[in-house]
Amino acid sequence: MKIAINNNGRIAFVDMGDVLSVVAQGNYALLQRESGACRLRGAISVIAKTLEPRGFIQISRSVLVNRAWIEEIYPYVPGKYLLRLKTGREFVITRTFKKNLKSLAEIWLGNDTLVGN
């Protein structure tokens, strides 16, 4: 899936499969790719509603990640986890959003302590 981004009168077509994460920056969001980044005007909450059905998951108030790029999740500090992308970049998963993690896998093996209270 590609989306069109208007950037100063120029329209860029971005393949969402190449987007690693979307990070809020004030009134903008930064779509981060391996090859660079693009700025998109809009609130992260609005962008999240559009991108979540297309394979993105919100892991904090200001960060969405592409499920296809997630490699690993592991404990960080009590109640929080780190999420590592295939590129090595890491993000903190906040307590409020850890409930979203269950949707990452079709089947969870082992115990459910990661998504428990």
PDB file of N, CA and C in Angstrom:
ATOM      1  N   MET A   1       0.832  -1.170   0.000  1.00  0.00           N
ATOM      2  CA  MET A   1       0.000   0.000   0.000  1.00  0.00           C
ATOM      3  C   MET A   1       0.885   1.243   0.000  1.00  0.00           C
ATOM      4  N   LYS A   2       0.531   2.181  -0.844  1.00  0.00           N
ATOM      5  CA  LYS A   2       1.252   3.451  -0.880  1.00  0.00           C
ATOM      6  C   LYS A   2       0.327   4.558  -0.424  1.00  0.00           C
ATOM      7  N   ILE A   3       0.931   5.558   0.220  1.00  0.00           N
ATOM      8  CA  ILE A   3       0.171   6.749   0.582  1.00  0.00           C
ATOM      9  C   ILE A   3       0.847   7.947  -0.082  1.00  0.00           C
ATOM     10  N   ALA A   4       0.047   8.970  -0.342  1.00  0.00           N
ATOM     11  CA  ALA A   4       0.558  10.192  -0.951  1.00  0.00           C
ATOM     12  C   ALA A   4       0.761  11.222   0.151  1.00  0.00           C
ATOM     13  N   ILE A   5       1.934  11.845   0.159  1.00  0.00           N
ATOM     14  CA  ILE A   5       2.257  12.864   1.152  1.00  0.00           C
ATOM     15  C   ILE A   5       2.586  14.152   0.415  1.00  0.00           C
ATOM     16  N   ASN A   6       1.834  15.213   0.734  1.00  0.00           N
ATOM     17  CA  ASN A   6       2.076  16.517   0.141  1.00  0.00           C
ATOM     18  C   ASN A   6       3.136  17.219   0.966  1.00  0.00           C
ATOM     19  N   ASN A   7       4.261  17.533   0.341  1.00  0.00           N
ATOM     20  CA  ASN A   7       5.374  18.171   1.029  1.00  0.00           C
ATOM     21  C   ASN A   7       5.814  19.390   0.226  1.00  0.00           C
ATOM     22  N   ASN A   8       5.362  20.572   0.662  1.00  0.00           N
ATOM     23  CA  ASN A   8       5.704  21.836  -0.004  1.00  0.00           C
ATOM     24  C   ASN A   8       5.372  21.825  -1.488  1.00  0.00           C
ATOM     25  N   GLY A   9       4.171  21.368  -1.831  1.00  0.00           N
ATOM     26  CA  GLY A   9       3.741  21.378  -3.219  1.00  0.00           C
ATOM     27  C   GLY A   9       4.179  20.169  -4.023  1.00  0.00           C
ATOM     28  N   ARG A  10       5.033  19.340  -3.461  1.00  0.00           N
ATOM     29  CA  ARG A  10       5.468  18.115  -4.129  1.00  0.00           C
ATOM     30  C   ARG A  10       4.762  16.943  -3.471  1.00  0.00           C
ATOM     31  N   ILE A  11       4.350  15.992  -4.269  1.00  0.00           N
ATOM     32  CA  ILE A  11       3.663  14.830  -3.721  1.00  0.00           C
ATOM     33  C   ILE A  11       4.590  13.629  -3.815  1.00  0.00           C
ATOM     34  N   ALA A  12       4.848  13.035  -2.653  1.00  0.00           N
ATOM     35  CA  ALA A  12       5.687  11.831  -2.576  1.00  0.00           C
ATOM     36  C   ALA A  12       4.777  10.636  -2.319  1.00  0.00           C
ATOM     37  N   PHE A  13       5.033   9.540  -3.014  1.00  0.00           N
ATOM     38  CA  PHE A  13       4.291   8.304  -2.795  1.00  0.00           C
ATOM     39  C   PHE A  13       5.181   7.374  -1.974  1.00  0.00           C
ATOM     40  N   VAL A  14       4.705   7.042  -0.789  1.00  0.00           N
ATOM     41  CA  VAL A  14       5.496   6.253   0.151  1.00  0.00           C
ATOM     42  C   VAL A  14       4.856   4.882   0.321  1.00  0.00           C
ATOM     43  N   ASP A  15       5.652   3.839   0.095  1.00  0.00           N
ATOM     44  CA  ASP A  15       5.199   2.471   0.313  1.00  0.00           C
ATOM     45  C   ASP A  15       5.214   2.222   1.813  1.00  0.00           C
ATOM     46  N   MET A  16       4.053   1.950   2.411  1.00  0.00           N
ATOM     47  CA  MET A  16       3.960   1.801   3.860  1.00  0.00           C
ATOM     48  C   MET A  16       4.700   0.563   4.362  1.00  0.00           C
ATOM     49  N   GLY A  17       4.981  -0.394   3.516  1.00  0.00           N
ATOM     50  CA  GLY A  17       5.788  -1.549   3.912  1.00  0.00           C
ATOM     51  C   GLY A  17       7.223  -1.168   4.221  1.00  0.00           C
ATOM     52  N   ASP A  18       7.672  -0.042   3.680  1.00  0.00           N
ATOM     53  CA  ASP A  18       9.031   0.442   3.924  1.00  0.00           C
ATOM     54  C   ASP A  18       9.132   1.317   5.169  1.00  0.00           C
ATOM     55  N   VAL A  19       7.996   1.704   5.732  1.00  0.00           N
ATOM     56  CA  VAL A  19       7.989   2.584   6.905  1.00  0.00           C
ATOM     57  C   VAL A  19       8.192   1.737   8.159  1.00  0.00           C
ATOM     58  N   LEU A  20       9.220   2.068   8.919  1.00  0.00           N
ATOM     59  CA  LEU A  20       9.532   1.352  10.154  1.00  0.00           C
ATOM     60  C   LEU A  20       8.665   1.826  11.302  1.00  0.00           C
ATOM     61  N   SER A  21       8.549   3.145  11.428  1.00  0.00           N
ATOM     62  CA  SER A  21       7.811   3.721  12.548  1.00  0.00           C
ATOM     63  C   SER A  21       7.285   5.092  12.167  1.00  0.00           C
ATOM     64  N   VAL A  22       6.348   5.555  12.977  1.00  0.00           N
ATOM     65  CA  VAL A  22       5.806   6.901  12.849  1.00  0.00           C
ATOM     66  C   VAL A  22       5.935   7.531  14.235  1.00  0.00           C
ATOM     67  N   VAL A  23       6.642   8.656  14.300  1.00  0.00           N
ATOM     68  CA  VAL A  23       6.921   9.306  15.578  1.00  0.00           C
ATOM     69  C   VAL A  23       6.359  10.724  15.556  1.00  0.00           C
ATOM     70  N   ALA A  24       5.551  11.052  16.565  1.00  0.00           N
ATOM     71  CA  ALA A  24       4.965  12.390  16.667  1.00  0.00           C
ATOM     72  C   ALA A  24       6.042  13.418  16.958  1.00  0.00           C
ATOM     73  N   GLN A  25       5.905  14.566  16.301  1.00  0.00           N
ATOM     74  CA  GLN A  25       6.790  15.713  16.533  1.00  0.00           C
ATOM     75  C   GLN A  25       5.948  16.978  16.448  1.00  0.00           C
ATOM     76  N   GLY A  26       5.299  17.308  17.551  1.00  0.00           N
ATOM     77  CA  GLY A  26       4.414  18.472  17.568  1.00  0.00           C
ATOM     78  C   GLY A  26       3.205  18.240  16.680  1.00  0.00           C
ATOM     79  N   ASN A  27       2.962  19.148  15.724  1.00  0.00           N
ATOM     80  CA  ASN A  27       1.833  19.032  14.798  1.00  0.00           C
ATOM     81  C   ASN A  27       2.146  18.135  13.601  1.00  0.00           C
ATOM     82  N   TYR A  28       3.298  17.521  13.610  1.00  0.00           N
ATOM     83  CA  TYR A  28       3.732  16.664  12.507  1.00  0.00           C
ATOM     84  C   TYR A  28       4.026  15.258  13.015  1.00  0.00           C
ATOM     85  N   ALA A  29       4.167  14.360  12.072  1.00  0.00           N
ATOM     86  CA  ALA A  29       4.623  13.003  12.383  1.00  0.00           C
ATOM     87  C   ALA A  29       5.752  12.690  11.426  1.00  0.00           C
ATOM     88  N   LEU A  30       6.743  12.004  11.910  1.00  0.00           N
ATOM     89  CA  LEU A  30       7.892  11.629  11.104  1.00  0.00           C
ATOM     90  C   LEU A  30       7.733  10.171  10.709  1.00  0.00           C
ATOM     91  N   LEU A  31       7.603   9.895   9.417  1.00  0.00           N
ATOM     92  CA  LEU A  31       7.539   8.530   8.908  1.00  0.00           C
ATOM     93  C   LEU A  31       8.975   8.094   8.665  1.00  0.00           C
ATOM     94  N   GLN A  32       9.463   7.183   9.479  1.00  0.00           N
ATOM     95  CA  GLN A  32      10.860   6.772   9.419  1.00  0.00           C
ATOM     96  C   GLN A  32      11.005   5.509   8.577  1.00  0.00           C
ATOM     97  N   ARG A  33      11.908   5.592   7.597  1.00  0.00           N
ATOM     98  CA  ARG A  33      12.230   4.457   6.739  1.00  0.00           C
ATOM     99  C   ARG A  33      13.717   4.175   6.874  1.00  0.00           C
ATOM    100  N   GLU A  34      14.162   3.049   6.380  1.00  0.00           N
ATOM    101  CA  GLU A  34      15.602   2.751   6.412  1.00  0.00           C
ATOM    102  C   GLU A  34      16.370   3.772   5.593  1.00  0.00           C
ATOM    103  N   SER A  35      15.769   4.229   4.515  1.00  0.00           N
ATOM    104  CA  SER A  35      16.462   5.132   3.601  1.00  0.00           C
ATOM    105  C   SER A  35      16.276   6.610   3.935  1.00  0.00           C
ATOM    106  N   GLY A  36      15.575   6.920   5.009  1.00  0.00           N
ATOM    107  CA  GLY A  36      15.355   8.319   5.357  1.00  0.00           C
ATOM    108  C   GLY A  36      14.014   8.498   6.021  1.00  0.00           C
ATOM    109  N   ALA A  37      13.535   9.734   6.038  1.00  0.00           N
ATOM    110  CA  ALA A  37      12.274  10.028   6.712  1.00  0.00           C
ATOM    111  C   ALA A  37      11.509  11.094   5.945  1.00  0.00           C
ATOM    112  N   CYS A  38      10.196  11.121   6.153  1.00  0.00           N
ATOM    113  CA  CYS A  38       9.324  12.152   5.581  1.00  0.00           C
ATOM    114  C   CYS A  38       8.473  12.715   6.703  1.00  0.00           C
ATOM    115  N   ARG A  39       8.174  13.989   6.599  1.00  0.00           N
ATOM    116  CA  ARG A  39       7.281  14.618   7.579  1.00  0.00           C
ATOM    117  C   ARG A  39       5.870  14.625   7.026  1.00  0.00           C
ATOM    118  N   LEU A  40       4.930  14.362   7.913  1.00  0.00           N
ATOM    119  CA  LEU A  40       3.518  14.329   7.564  1.00  0.00           C
ATOM    120  C   LEU A  40       2.778  15.213   8.553  1.00  0.00           C
ATOM    121  N   ARG A  41       2.000  16.148   8.057  1.00  0.00           N
ATOM    122  CA  ARG A  41       1.262  17.034   8.964  1.00  0.00           C
ATOM    123  C   ARG A  41       0.042  16.294   9.478  1.00  0.00           C
ATOM    124  N   GLY A  42      -0.129  16.301  10.796  1.00  0.00           N
ATOM    125  CA  GLY A  42      -1.300  15.680  11.398  1.00  0.00           C
ATOM    126  C   GLY A  42      -0.996  15.126  12.769  1.00  0.00           C
ATOM    127  N   ALA A  43      -2.064  14.930  13.523  1.00  0.00           N
ATOM    128  CA  ALA A  43      -1.935  14.387  14.876  1.00  0.00           C
ATOM    129  C   ALA A  43      -1.700  12.885  14.816  1.00  0.00           C
ATOM    130  N   ILE A  44      -0.882  12.387  15.719  1.00  0.00           N
ATOM    131  CA  ILE A  44      -0.559  10.958  15.754  1.00  0.00           C
ATOM    132  C   ILE A  44      -1.821  10.124  15.996  1.00  0.00           C
ATOM    133  N   SER A  45      -2.781  10.651  16.750  1.00  0.00           N
ATOM    134  CA  SER A  45      -4.017   9.900  17.017  1.00  0.00           C
ATOM    135  C   SER A  45      -4.818   9.669  15.736  1.00  0.00           C
ATOM    136  N   VAL A  46      -4.859  10.660  14.868  1.00  0.00           N
ATOM    137  CA  VAL A  46      -5.568  10.533  13.595  1.00  0.00           C
ATOM    138  C   VAL A  46      -4.810   9.582  12.666  1.00  0.00           C
ATOM    139  N   ILE A  47      -3.502   9.725  12.634  1.00  0.00           N
ATOM    140  CA  ILE A  47      -2.667   8.854  11.800  1.00  0.00           C
ATOM    141  C   ILE A  47      -2.784   7.406  12.279  1.00  0.00           C
ATOM    142  N   ALA A  48      -2.824   7.201  13.593  1.00  0.00           N
ATOM    143  CA  ALA A  48      -2.939   5.853  14.155  1.00  0.00           C
ATOM    144  C   ALA A  48      -4.226   5.175  13.699  1.00  0.00           C
ATOM    145  N   LYS A  49      -5.329   5.893  13.707  1.00  0.00           N
ATOM    146  CA  LYS A  49      -6.611   5.313  13.285  1.00  0.00           C
ATOM    147  C   LYS A  49      -6.567   4.866  11.832  1.00  0.00           C
ATOM    148  N   THR A  50      -5.820   5.584  11.013  1.00  0.00           N
ATOM    149  CA  THR A  50      -5.695   5.236   9.605  1.00  0.00           C
ATOM    150  C   THR A  50      -4.743   4.064   9.394  1.00  0.00           C
ATOM    151  N   LEU A  51      -3.642   4.033  10.141  1.00  0.00           N
ATOM    152  CA  LEU A  51      -2.599   3.034   9.894  1.00  0.00           C
ATOM    153  C   LEU A  51      -2.743   1.732  10.678  1.00  0.00           C
ATOM    154  N   GLU A  52      -3.424   1.732  11.805  1.00  0.00           N
ATOM    155  CA  GLU A  52      -3.551   0.495  12.590  1.00  0.00           C
ATOM    156  C   GLU A  52      -4.174  -0.647  11.794  1.00  0.00           C
ATOM    157  N   PRO A  53      -5.227  -0.416  11.002  1.00  0.00           N
ATOM    158  CA  PRO A  53      -5.757  -1.529  10.203  1.00  0.00           C
ATOM    159  C   PRO A  53      -4.806  -1.985   9.084  1.00  0.00           C
ATOM    160  N   ARG A  54      -3.761  -1.216   8.855  1.00  0.00           N
ATOM    161  CA  ARG A  54      -2.805  -1.513   7.789  1.00  0.00           C
ATOM    162  C   ARG A  54      -1.473  -2.028   8.327  1.00  0.00           C
ATOM    163  N   GLY A  55      -1.490  -2.581   9.542  1.00  0.00           N
ATOM    164  CA  GLY A  55      -0.305  -3.242  10.066  1.00  0.00           C
ATOM    165  C   GLY A  55       0.544  -2.466  11.053  1.00  0.00           C
ATOM    166  N   PHE A  56       0.072  -1.326  11.512  1.00  0.00           N
ATOM    167  CA  PHE A  56       0.829  -0.550  12.491  1.00  0.00           C
ATOM    168  C   PHE A  56       0.201  -0.713  13.860  1.00  0.00           C
ATOM    169  N   ILE A  57       1.035  -0.629  14.890  1.00  0.00           N
ATOM    170  CA  ILE A  57       0.572  -0.774  16.263  1.00  0.00           C
ATOM    171  C   ILE A  57       1.113   0.387  17.084  1.00  0.00           C
ATOM    172  N   GLN A  58       0.254   0.961  17.922  1.00  0.00           N
ATOM    173  CA  GLN A  58       0.680   2.075  18.770  1.00  0.00           C
ATOM    174  C   GLN A  58       1.288   1.518  20.042  1.00  0.00           C
ATOM    175  N   ILE A  59       2.533   1.955  20.358  1.00  0.00           N
ATOM    176  CA  ILE A  59       3.234   1.442  21.532  1.00  0.00           C
ATOM    177  C   ILE A  59       3.469   2.510  22.599  1.00  0.00           C
ATOM    178  N   SER A  60       3.176   3.768  22.260  1.00  0.00           N
ATOM    179  CA  SER A  60       3.234   4.862  23.229  1.00  0.00           C
ATOM    180  C   SER A  60       2.372   5.995  22.689  1.00  0.00           C
ATOM    181  N   ARG A  61       2.257   7.046  23.467  1.00  0.00           N
ATOM    182  CA  ARG A  61       1.433   8.178  23.037  1.00  0.00           C
ATOM    183  C   ARG A  61       1.942   8.788  21.737  1.00  0.00           C
ATOM    184  N   SER A  62       3.226   8.642  21.471  1.00  0.00           N
ATOM    185  CA  SER A  62       3.808   9.326  20.320  1.00  0.00           C
ATOM    186  C   SER A  62       4.456   8.404  19.286  1.00  0.00           C
ATOM    187  N   VAL A  63       4.300   7.079  19.412  1.00  0.00           N
ATOM    188  CA  VAL A  63       4.994   6.170  18.489  1.00  0.00           C
ATOM    189  C   VAL A  63       4.076   5.058  17.987  1.00  0.00           C
ATOM    190  N   LEU A  64       4.107   4.864  16.656  1.00  0.00           N
ATOM    191  CA  LEU A  64       3.499   3.712  16.001  1.00  0.00           C
ATOM    192  C   LEU A  64       4.641   2.933  15.357  1.00  0.00           C
ATOM    193  N   VAL A  65       4.552   1.615  15.334  1.00  0.00           N
ATOM    194  CA  VAL A  65       5.559   0.820  14.637  1.00  0.00           C
ATOM    195  C   VAL A  65       4.870  -0.126  13.658  1.00  0.00           C
ATOM    196  N   ASN A  66       5.585  -0.441  12.608  1.00  0.00           N
ATOM    197  CA  ASN A  66       5.107  -1.379  11.599  1.00  0.00           C
ATOM    198  C   ASN A  66       5.346  -2.788  12.122  1.00  0.00           C
ATOM    199  N   ARG A  67       4.285  -3.576  12.248  1.00  0.00           N
ATOM    200  CA  ARG A  67       4.400  -4.941  12.788  1.00  0.00           C
ATOM    201  C   ARG A  67       5.402  -5.791  12.012  1.00  0.00           C
ATOM    202  N   ALA A  68       5.493  -5.571  10.716  1.00  0.00           N
ATOM    203  CA  ALA A  68       6.381  -6.375   9.876  1.00  0.00           C
ATOM    204  C   ALA A  68       7.853  -6.178  10.234  1.00  0.00           C
ATOM    205  N   TRP A  69       8.197  -5.076  10.880  1.00  0.00           N
ATOM    206  CA  TRP A  69       9.588  -4.778  11.212  1.00  0.00           C
ATOM    207  C   TRP A  69       9.965  -5.149  12.643  1.00  0.00           C
ATOM    208  N   ILE A  70       8.990  -5.624  13.449  1.00  0.00           N
ATOM    209  CA  ILE A  70       9.270  -5.946  14.847  1.00  0.00           C
ATOM    210  C   ILE A  70      10.008  -7.276  14.934  1.00  0.00           C
ATOM    211  N   GLU A  71      11.103  -7.272  15.697  1.00  0.00           N
ATOM    212  CA  GLU A  71      11.901  -8.474  15.869  1.00  0.00           C
ATOM    213  C   GLU A  71      11.766  -9.074  17.261  1.00  0.00           C
ATOM    214  N   GLU A  72      11.715  -8.209  18.295  1.00  0.00           N
ATOM    215  CA  GLU A  72      11.784  -8.717  19.659  1.00  0.00           C
ATOM    216  C   GLU A  72      11.179  -7.720  20.648  1.00  0.00           C
ATOM    217  N   ILE A  73      10.626  -8.264  21.734  1.00  0.00           N
ATOM    218  CA  ILE A  73      10.131  -7.456  22.850  1.00  0.00           C
ATOM    219  C   ILE A  73      10.719  -8.057  24.119  1.00  0.00           C
ATOM    220  N   TYR A  74      11.235  -7.216  25.012  1.00  0.00           N
ATOM    221  CA  TYR A  74      11.798  -7.741  26.254  1.00  0.00           C
ATOM    222  C   TYR A  74      11.642  -6.742  27.391  1.00  0.00           C
ATOM    223  N   PRO A  75      11.658  -7.227  28.663  1.00  0.00           N
ATOM    224  CA  PRO A  75      11.462  -6.347  29.822  1.00  0.00           C
ATOM    225  C   PRO A  75      12.520  -5.241  29.880  1.00  0.00           C
ATOM    226  N   TYR A  76      12.087  -4.084  30.326  1.00  0.00           N
ATOM    227  CA  TYR A  76      12.969  -2.926  30.423  1.00  0.00           C
ATOM    228  C   TYR A  76      13.052  -2.475  31.881  1.00  0.00           C
ATOM    229  N   VAL A  77      12.013  -1.881  32.376  1.00  0.00           N
ATOM    230  CA  VAL A  77      11.871  -1.528  33.791  1.00  0.00           C
ATOM    231  C   VAL A  77      10.491  -2.031  34.205  1.00  0.00           C
ATOM    232  N   PRO A  78      10.211  -2.142  35.505  1.00  0.00           N
ATOM    233  CA  PRO A  78       8.903  -2.678  35.913  1.00  0.00           C
ATOM    234  C   PRO A  78       7.730  -1.992  35.194  1.00  0.00           C
ATOM    235  N   GLY A  79       6.936  -2.808  34.517  1.00  0.00           N
ATOM    236  CA  GLY A  79       5.760  -2.304  33.817  1.00  0.00           C
ATOM    237  C   GLY A  79       6.007  -1.811  32.408  1.00  0.00           C
ATOM    238  N   LYS A  80       7.252  -1.745  31.989  1.00  0.00           N
ATOM    239  CA  LYS A  80       7.573  -1.268  30.639  1.00  0.00           C
ATOM    240  C   LYS A  80       8.435  -2.299  29.917  1.00  0.00           C
ATOM    241  N   TYR A  81       8.396  -2.235  28.598  1.00  0.00           N
ATOM    242  CA  TYR A  81       9.165  -3.152  27.759  1.00  0.00           C
ATOM    243  C   TYR A  81       9.878  -2.376  26.670  1.00  0.00           C
ATOM    244  N   LEU A  82      10.903  -2.997  26.113  1.00  0.00           N
ATOM    245  CA  LEU A  82      11.572  -2.447  24.940  1.00  0.00           C
ATOM    246  C   LEU A  82      11.160  -3.275  23.733  1.00  0.00           C
ATOM    247  N   LEU A  83      10.953  -2.610  22.640  1.00  0.00           N
ATOM    248  CA  LEU A  83      10.632  -3.253  21.384  1.00  0.00           C
ATOM    249  C   LEU A  83      11.785  -2.978  20.438  1.00  0.00           C
ATOM    250  N   ARG A  84      12.336  -4.025  19.847  1.00  0.00           N
ATOM    251  CA  ARG A  84      13.456  -3.860  18.912  1.00  0.00           C
ATOM    252  C   ARG A  84      12.974  -4.181  17.500  1.00  0.00           C
ATOM    253  N   LEU A  85      13.280  -3.282  16.589  1.00  0.00           N
ATOM    254  CA  LEU A  85      12.985  -3.509  15.179  1.00  0.00           C
ATOM    255  C   LEU A  85      14.117  -4.301  14.534  1.00  0.00           C
ATOM    256  N   LYS A  86      13.879  -4.837  13.364  1.00  0.00           N
ATOM    257  CA  LYS A  86      14.895  -5.602  12.632  1.00  0.00           C
ATOM    258  C   LYS A  86      16.120  -4.758  12.312  1.00  0.00           C
ATOM    259  N   THR A  87      15.968  -3.452  12.309  1.00  0.00           N
ATOM    260  CA  THR A  87      17.086  -2.541  12.034  1.00  0.00           C
ATOM    261  C   THR A  87      17.953  -2.309  13.265  1.00  0.00           C
ATOM    262  N   GLY A  88      17.483  -2.777  14.450  1.00  0.00           N
ATOM    263  CA  GLY A  88      18.207  -2.549  15.697  1.00  0.00           C
ATOM    264  C   GLY A  88      17.673  -1.379  16.498  1.00  0.00           C
ATOM    265  N   ARG A  89      16.846  -0.554  15.903  1.00  0.00           N
ATOM    266  CA  ARG A  89      16.265   0.588  16.622  1.00  0.00           C
ATOM    267  C   ARG A  89      15.328   0.074  17.704  1.00  0.00           C
ATOM    268  N   GLU A  90      15.356   0.725  18.866  1.00  0.00           N
ATOM    269  CA  GLU A  90      14.534   0.305  19.990  1.00  0.00           C
ATOM    270  C   GLU A  90      13.599   1.423  20.432  1.00  0.00           C
ATOM    271  N   PHE A  91      12.417   1.014  20.907  1.00  0.00           N
ATOM    272  CA  PHE A  91      11.414   1.930  21.430  1.00  0.00           C
ATOM    273  C   PHE A  91      10.901   1.390  22.752  1.00  0.00           C
ATOM    274  N   VAL A  92      10.529   2.283  23.662  1.00  0.00           N
ATOM    275  CA  VAL A  92       9.927   1.889  24.930  1.00  0.00           C
ATOM    276  C   VAL A  92       8.424   1.726  24.720  1.00  0.00           C
ATOM    277  N   ILE A  93       7.887   0.613  25.210  1.00  0.00           N
ATOM    278  CA  ILE A  93       6.447   0.378  25.194  1.00  0.00           C
ATOM    279  C   ILE A  93       5.929   0.817  26.549  1.00  0.00           C
ATOM    280  N   THR A  94       5.036   1.780  26.561  1.00  0.00           N
ATOM    281  CA  THR A  94       4.528   2.285  27.826  1.00  0.00           C
ATOM    282  C   THR A  94       3.397   1.396  28.354  1.00  0.00           C
ATOM    283  N   ARG A  95       3.155   1.507  29.648  1.00  0.00           N
ATOM    284  CA  ARG A  95       2.148   0.659  30.315  1.00  0.00           C
ATOM    285  C   ARG A  95       0.784   0.751  29.661  1.00  0.00           C
ATOM    286  N   THR A  96       0.375   1.942  29.312  1.00  0.00           N
ATOM    287  CA  THR A  96      -0.945   2.153  28.719  1.00  0.00           C
ATOM    288  C   THR A  96      -1.128   1.357  27.430  1.00  0.00           C
ATOM    289  N   PHE A  97      -0.064   1.196  26.665  1.00  0.00           N
ATOM    290  CA  PHE A  97      -0.173   0.581  25.346  1.00  0.00           C
ATOM    291  C   PHE A  97       0.286  -0.869  25.280  1.00  0.00           C
ATOM    292  N   LYS A  98       0.714  -1.447  26.407  1.00  0.00           N
ATOM    293  CA  LYS A  98       1.195  -2.829  26.343  1.00  0.00           C
ATOM    294  C   LYS A  98       0.075  -3.809  26.005  1.00  0.00           C
ATOM    295  N   LYS A  99      -1.176  -3.413  26.223  1.00  0.00           N
ATOM    296  CA  LYS A  99      -2.300  -4.280  25.862  1.00  0.00           C
ATOM    297  C   LYS A  99      -2.368  -4.508  24.347  1.00  0.00           C
ATOM    298  N   ASN A 100      -1.797  -3.609  23.566  1.00  0.00           N
ATOM    299  CA  ASN A 100      -1.790  -3.746  22.110  1.00  0.00           C
ATOM    300  C   ASN A 100      -0.861  -4.854  21.628  1.00  0.00           C
ATOM    301  N   LEU A 101       0.038  -5.324  22.491  1.00  0.00           N
ATOM    302  CA  LEU A 101       1.051  -6.296  22.070  1.00  0.00           C
ATOM    303  C   LEU A 101       0.472  -7.653  21.691  1.00  0.00           C
ATOM    304  N   LYS A 102      -0.614  -8.018  22.313  1.00  0.00           N
ATOM    305  CA  LYS A 102      -1.213  -9.326  22.041  1.00  0.00           C
ATOM    306  C   LYS A 102      -1.569  -9.464  20.560  1.00  0.00           C
ATOM    307  N   SER A 103      -1.855  -8.365  19.899  1.00  0.00           N
ATOM    308  CA  SER A 103      -2.234  -8.412  18.489  1.00  0.00           C
ATOM    309  C   SER A 103      -1.046  -8.649  17.552  1.00  0.00           C
ATOM    310  N   LEU A 104       0.167  -8.701  18.104  1.00  0.00           N
ATOM    311  CA  LEU A 104       1.345  -8.897  17.258  1.00  0.00           C
ATOM    312  C   LEU A 104       1.472 -10.314  16.711  1.00  0.00           C
ATOM    313  N   ALA A 105       0.951 -11.283  17.441  1.00  0.00           N
ATOM    314  CA  ALA A 105       1.105 -12.675  17.024  1.00  0.00           C
ATOM    315  C   ALA A 105      -0.258 -13.344  16.946  1.00  0.00           C
ATOM    316  N   GLU A 106      -0.400 -14.253  16.006  1.00  0.00           N
ATOM    317  CA  GLU A 106      -1.647 -15.011  15.911  1.00  0.00           C
ATOM    318  C   GLU A 106      -1.788 -15.933  17.116  1.00  0.00           C
ATOM    319  N   ILE A 107      -0.686 -16.497  17.566  1.00  0.00           N
ATOM    320  CA  ILE A 107      -0.698 -17.428  18.692  1.00  0.00           C
ATOM    321  C   ILE A 107       0.424 -17.055  19.647  1.00  0.00           C
ATOM    322  N   TRP A 108       0.103 -16.976  20.933  1.00  0.00           N
ATOM    323  CA  TRP A 108       1.117 -16.759  21.965  1.00  0.00           C
ATOM    324  C   TRP A 108       1.425 -18.096  22.602  1.00  0.00           C
ATOM    325  N   LEU A 109       2.671 -18.469  22.638  1.00  0.00           N
ATOM    326  CA  LEU A 109       3.084 -19.699  23.311  1.00  0.00           C
ATOM    327  C   LEU A 109       3.671 -19.337  24.665  1.00  0.00           C
ATOM    328  N   GLY A 110       3.489 -20.191  25.638  1.00  0.00           N
ATOM    329  CA  GLY A 110       3.999 -19.896  26.975  1.00  0.00           C
ATOM    330  C   GLY A 110       2.995 -19.098  27.769  1.00  0.00           C
ATOM    331  N   ASN A 111       3.489 -18.399  28.795  1.00  0.00           N
ATOM    332  CA  ASN A 111       2.549 -17.662  29.651  1.00  0.00           C
ATOM    333  C   ASN A 111       2.236 -16.295  29.087  1.00  0.00           C
ATOM    334  N   ASP A 112       1.193 -15.677  29.625  1.00  0.00           N
ATOM    335  CA  ASP A 112       0.725 -14.366  29.148  1.00  0.00           C
ATOM    336  C   ASP A 112       1.185 -13.226  30.049  1.00  0.00           C
ATOM    337  N   THR A 113       2.297 -13.381  30.763  1.00  0.00           N
ATOM    338  CA  THR A 113       2.715 -12.348  31.721  1.00  0.00           C
ATOM    339  C   THR A 113       3.043 -11.027  31.040  1.00  0.00           C
ATOM    340  N   LEU A 114       3.442 -11.053  29.784  1.00  0.00           N
ATOM    341  CA  LEU A 114       3.793  -9.828  29.093  1.00  0.00           C
ATOM    342  C   LEU A 114       2.607  -8.883  28.997  1.00  0.00           C
ATOM    343  N   VAL A 115       1.438  -9.400  28.773  1.00  0.00           N
ATOM    344  CA  VAL A 115       0.277  -8.536  28.599  1.00  0.00           C
ATOM    345  C   VAL A 115      -0.618  -8.515  29.827  1.00  0.00           C
ATOM    346  N   GLY A 116      -0.201  -9.153  30.903  1.00  0.00           N
ATOM    347  CA  GLY A 116      -0.995  -9.154  32.132  1.00  0.00           C
ATOM    348  C   GLY A 116      -0.883  -7.835  32.864  1.00  0.00           C
ATOM    349  N   ASN A 117      -1.621  -7.730  33.947  1.00  0.00           N
ATOM    350  CA  ASN A 117      -1.601  -6.473  34.725  1.00  0.00           C
ATOM    351  C   ASN A 117      -0.450  -6.426  35.663  1.00  0.00           C
TER     352      ASN A 117
END
